[in-house]
N, C-alpha and C. Protein backbone atom coordinates (compact mmCIF):
# COMPACT_ATOMS: atom_id res chain seq x y z
N MET A 1 134.19 133.55 -79.29
CA MET A 1 134.92 134.63 -78.68
C MET A 1 135.62 135.43 -79.77
N PRO A 2 135.42 136.76 -79.82
CA PRO A 2 136.04 137.55 -80.88
C PRO A 2 137.55 137.61 -80.72
N THR A 3 138.22 137.68 -81.86
CA THR A 3 139.67 137.78 -81.86
C THR A 3 140.07 139.21 -81.53
N PRO A 4 141.08 139.40 -80.68
CA PRO A 4 141.51 140.77 -80.38
C PRO A 4 142.11 141.42 -81.62
N PRO A 5 142.01 142.74 -81.74
CA PRO A 5 142.54 143.40 -82.93
C PRO A 5 144.05 143.23 -83.03
N LEU A 6 144.53 143.25 -84.25
CA LEU A 6 145.97 143.15 -84.48
C LEU A 6 146.65 144.38 -83.93
N ALA A 7 147.78 144.19 -83.27
CA ALA A 7 148.47 145.29 -82.61
C ALA A 7 148.99 146.32 -83.61
N HIS A 8 149.41 145.88 -84.77
CA HIS A 8 149.97 146.79 -85.77
C HIS A 8 148.90 147.42 -86.67
N ASP A 9 147.65 147.13 -86.41
CA ASP A 9 146.56 147.64 -87.24
C ASP A 9 145.44 148.16 -86.33
N PRO A 10 145.62 149.34 -85.75
CA PRO A 10 144.60 149.85 -84.81
C PRO A 10 143.29 150.18 -85.53
N GLN A 11 142.22 150.06 -84.80
CA GLN A 11 140.89 150.36 -85.33
C GLN A 11 140.79 151.86 -85.64
N PRO A 12 140.21 152.21 -86.80
CA PRO A 12 140.01 153.63 -87.11
C PRO A 12 139.12 154.30 -86.07
N GLN A 13 139.36 155.55 -85.84
CA GLN A 13 138.58 156.32 -84.87
C GLN A 13 137.62 157.24 -85.60
N ALA A 14 136.40 157.32 -85.11
CA ALA A 14 135.38 158.17 -85.71
C ALA A 14 135.78 159.64 -85.54
N PRO A 15 135.44 160.46 -86.54
CA PRO A 15 135.73 161.89 -86.40
C PRO A 15 134.85 162.51 -85.33
N SER A 16 135.33 163.58 -84.76
CA SER A 16 134.55 164.30 -83.75
C SER A 16 133.47 165.12 -84.43
N LYS A 17 132.25 165.00 -83.92
CA LYS A 17 131.14 165.75 -84.48
C LYS A 17 131.25 167.21 -84.04
N PRO A 18 131.10 168.13 -85.00
CA PRO A 18 131.18 169.55 -84.62
C PRO A 18 130.03 169.93 -83.69
N GLY A 19 130.30 170.88 -82.82
CA GLY A 19 129.27 171.37 -81.91
C GLY A 19 128.23 172.21 -82.64
N ASN A 20 127.10 172.42 -82.00
CA ASN A 20 126.02 173.19 -82.62
C ASN A 20 126.43 174.62 -82.96
N ASP A 21 127.37 175.17 -82.22
CA ASP A 21 127.78 176.56 -82.44
C ASP A 21 128.97 176.69 -83.39
N GLU A 22 129.44 175.59 -83.97
CA GLU A 22 130.61 175.66 -84.85
C GLU A 22 130.27 176.03 -86.29
N CYS A 23 129.03 175.89 -86.70
CA CYS A 23 128.62 176.26 -88.06
C CYS A 23 127.95 177.63 -88.00
N CYS A 24 128.41 178.52 -88.89
CA CYS A 24 127.86 179.88 -88.89
C CYS A 24 126.67 180.02 -89.83
N HIS A 25 126.37 178.98 -90.60
CA HIS A 25 125.22 178.95 -91.53
C HIS A 25 125.28 180.08 -92.56
N SER A 26 126.50 180.44 -92.98
CA SER A 26 126.63 181.49 -93.98
C SER A 26 127.09 180.95 -95.33
N GLY A 27 127.10 179.63 -95.48
CA GLY A 27 127.46 179.03 -96.77
C GLY A 27 128.96 179.03 -97.04
N CYS A 28 129.75 178.85 -96.05
CA CYS A 28 131.21 178.83 -96.20
C CYS A 28 131.62 177.75 -97.21
N THR A 29 132.72 178.01 -97.90
CA THR A 29 133.25 177.04 -98.85
C THR A 29 133.64 175.76 -98.13
N PHE A 30 134.26 175.90 -96.99
CA PHE A 30 134.68 174.74 -96.20
C PHE A 30 133.85 174.67 -94.92
N CYS A 31 132.59 174.32 -95.07
CA CYS A 31 131.68 174.23 -93.92
C CYS A 31 132.09 173.06 -93.02
N VAL A 32 132.11 173.31 -91.73
CA VAL A 32 132.51 172.26 -90.80
C VAL A 32 131.55 171.08 -90.84
N LEU A 33 130.28 171.32 -91.13
CA LEU A 33 129.32 170.22 -91.19
C LEU A 33 129.55 169.35 -92.43
N GLU A 34 129.88 169.97 -93.55
CA GLU A 34 130.17 169.21 -94.77
C GLU A 34 131.47 168.43 -94.62
N MET A 35 132.48 169.07 -94.01
CA MET A 35 133.75 168.38 -93.80
C MET A 35 133.55 167.20 -92.86
N TYR A 36 132.71 167.35 -91.86
CA TYR A 36 132.42 166.25 -90.94
C TYR A 36 131.77 165.09 -91.69
N GLN A 37 130.81 165.39 -92.57
CA GLN A 37 130.15 164.33 -93.33
C GLN A 37 131.15 163.59 -94.22
N GLU A 38 132.08 164.33 -94.84
CA GLU A 38 133.11 163.68 -95.66
C GLU A 38 134.02 162.82 -94.80
N ASP A 39 134.42 163.34 -93.65
CA ASP A 39 135.28 162.57 -92.74
C ASP A 39 134.56 161.34 -92.22
N LEU A 40 133.26 161.46 -91.96
CA LEU A 40 132.47 160.33 -91.47
C LEU A 40 132.38 159.24 -92.54
N ALA A 41 132.16 159.63 -93.79
CA ALA A 41 132.10 158.65 -94.88
C ALA A 41 133.45 157.94 -95.03
N ALA A 42 134.54 158.69 -94.95
CA ALA A 42 135.88 158.08 -95.05
C ALA A 42 136.12 157.14 -93.88
N TYR A 43 135.68 157.52 -92.69
CA TYR A 43 135.83 156.67 -91.51
C TYR A 43 135.06 155.37 -91.69
N GLU A 44 133.83 155.45 -92.18
CA GLU A 44 133.01 154.25 -92.35
C GLU A 44 133.67 153.29 -93.35
N GLU A 45 134.25 153.83 -94.43
CA GLU A 45 134.95 152.98 -95.39
C GLU A 45 136.18 152.35 -94.75
N ALA A 46 136.93 153.14 -94.00
CA ALA A 46 138.13 152.63 -93.33
C ALA A 46 137.77 151.57 -92.30
N LEU A 47 136.65 151.75 -91.61
CA LEU A 47 136.22 150.78 -90.60
C LEU A 47 135.85 149.45 -91.26
N ILE A 48 135.16 149.50 -92.38
CA ILE A 48 134.80 148.27 -93.10
C ILE A 48 136.07 147.54 -93.55
N ALA A 49 137.02 148.29 -94.11
CA ALA A 49 138.28 147.69 -94.55
C ALA A 49 139.03 147.09 -93.37
N TRP A 50 139.04 147.77 -92.23
CA TRP A 50 139.72 147.28 -91.03
C TRP A 50 139.06 145.98 -90.55
N GLN A 51 137.72 145.96 -90.54
CA GLN A 51 137.00 144.76 -90.09
C GLN A 51 137.32 143.58 -91.00
N GLN A 52 137.42 143.83 -92.30
CA GLN A 52 137.75 142.76 -93.24
C GLN A 52 139.16 142.24 -93.00
N ARG A 53 140.10 143.14 -92.70
CA ARG A 53 141.47 142.72 -92.41
C ARG A 53 141.51 141.89 -91.13
N GLN A 54 140.73 142.28 -90.14
CA GLN A 54 140.69 141.54 -88.88
C GLN A 54 140.14 140.13 -89.10
N GLN A 55 139.08 140.04 -89.90
CA GLN A 55 138.50 138.73 -90.18
C GLN A 55 139.47 137.86 -90.97
N ALA A 56 140.18 138.47 -91.93
CA ALA A 56 141.15 137.71 -92.72
C ALA A 56 142.30 137.23 -91.85
N ALA A 57 142.71 138.03 -90.89
CA ALA A 57 143.80 137.63 -89.99
C ALA A 57 143.36 136.51 -89.07
N ALA A 58 142.10 136.48 -88.69
CA ALA A 58 141.59 135.45 -87.80
C ALA A 58 141.28 134.16 -88.56
N ALA A 59 141.05 134.24 -89.86
CA ALA A 59 140.66 133.07 -90.65
C ALA A 59 141.70 131.97 -90.68
N PRO A 60 143.00 132.26 -90.82
CA PRO A 60 143.96 131.15 -90.88
C PRO A 60 143.96 130.26 -89.64
N ALA A 61 143.57 130.78 -88.51
CA ALA A 61 143.53 129.98 -87.29
C ALA A 61 142.50 128.87 -87.39
N THR A 62 141.44 129.09 -88.13
CA THR A 62 140.39 128.08 -88.25
C THR A 62 140.44 127.38 -89.61
N GLN A 63 141.32 127.80 -90.50
CA GLN A 63 141.36 127.24 -91.84
C GLN A 63 141.81 125.79 -91.85
N GLY A 64 142.75 125.41 -91.00
CA GLY A 64 143.28 124.06 -91.01
C GLY A 64 142.41 123.04 -90.30
N ILE A 65 141.38 123.46 -89.63
CA ILE A 65 140.52 122.55 -88.90
C ILE A 65 139.50 121.94 -89.86
N LYS A 66 139.50 120.61 -89.90
CA LYS A 66 138.57 119.92 -90.80
C LYS A 66 137.31 119.55 -90.03
N LYS A 67 136.19 119.68 -90.70
CA LYS A 67 134.92 119.29 -90.11
C LYS A 67 134.76 117.78 -90.27
N PRO A 68 134.22 117.13 -89.27
CA PRO A 68 133.99 115.68 -89.41
C PRO A 68 132.92 115.40 -90.47
N ARG A 69 133.16 114.32 -91.20
CA ARG A 69 132.17 113.95 -92.23
C ARG A 69 130.97 113.27 -91.59
N LYS A 70 129.84 113.52 -92.20
CA LYS A 70 128.63 112.85 -91.75
C LYS A 70 128.62 111.43 -92.28
N ARG A 71 128.18 110.53 -91.43
CA ARG A 71 128.09 109.14 -91.87
C ARG A 71 126.70 108.89 -92.45
N ALA A 72 126.69 108.13 -93.50
CA ALA A 72 125.42 107.85 -94.17
C ALA A 72 124.66 106.75 -93.50
């Protein structure tokens, strides 16, 4: 059963994808499609870091449990 997310560490939210009519295709310096790609890459990195923090927070609960030894 997965551990619920930590209350003080909310999961990152994906950026909203721009609509088809939001890009004017005129080569703007700050193109909405390029900014979306940058935001998406940052979100993916933040999500990986968040998942690692969640796993690390859940690990101490199982750290003290010893596995039984196999008998020869």
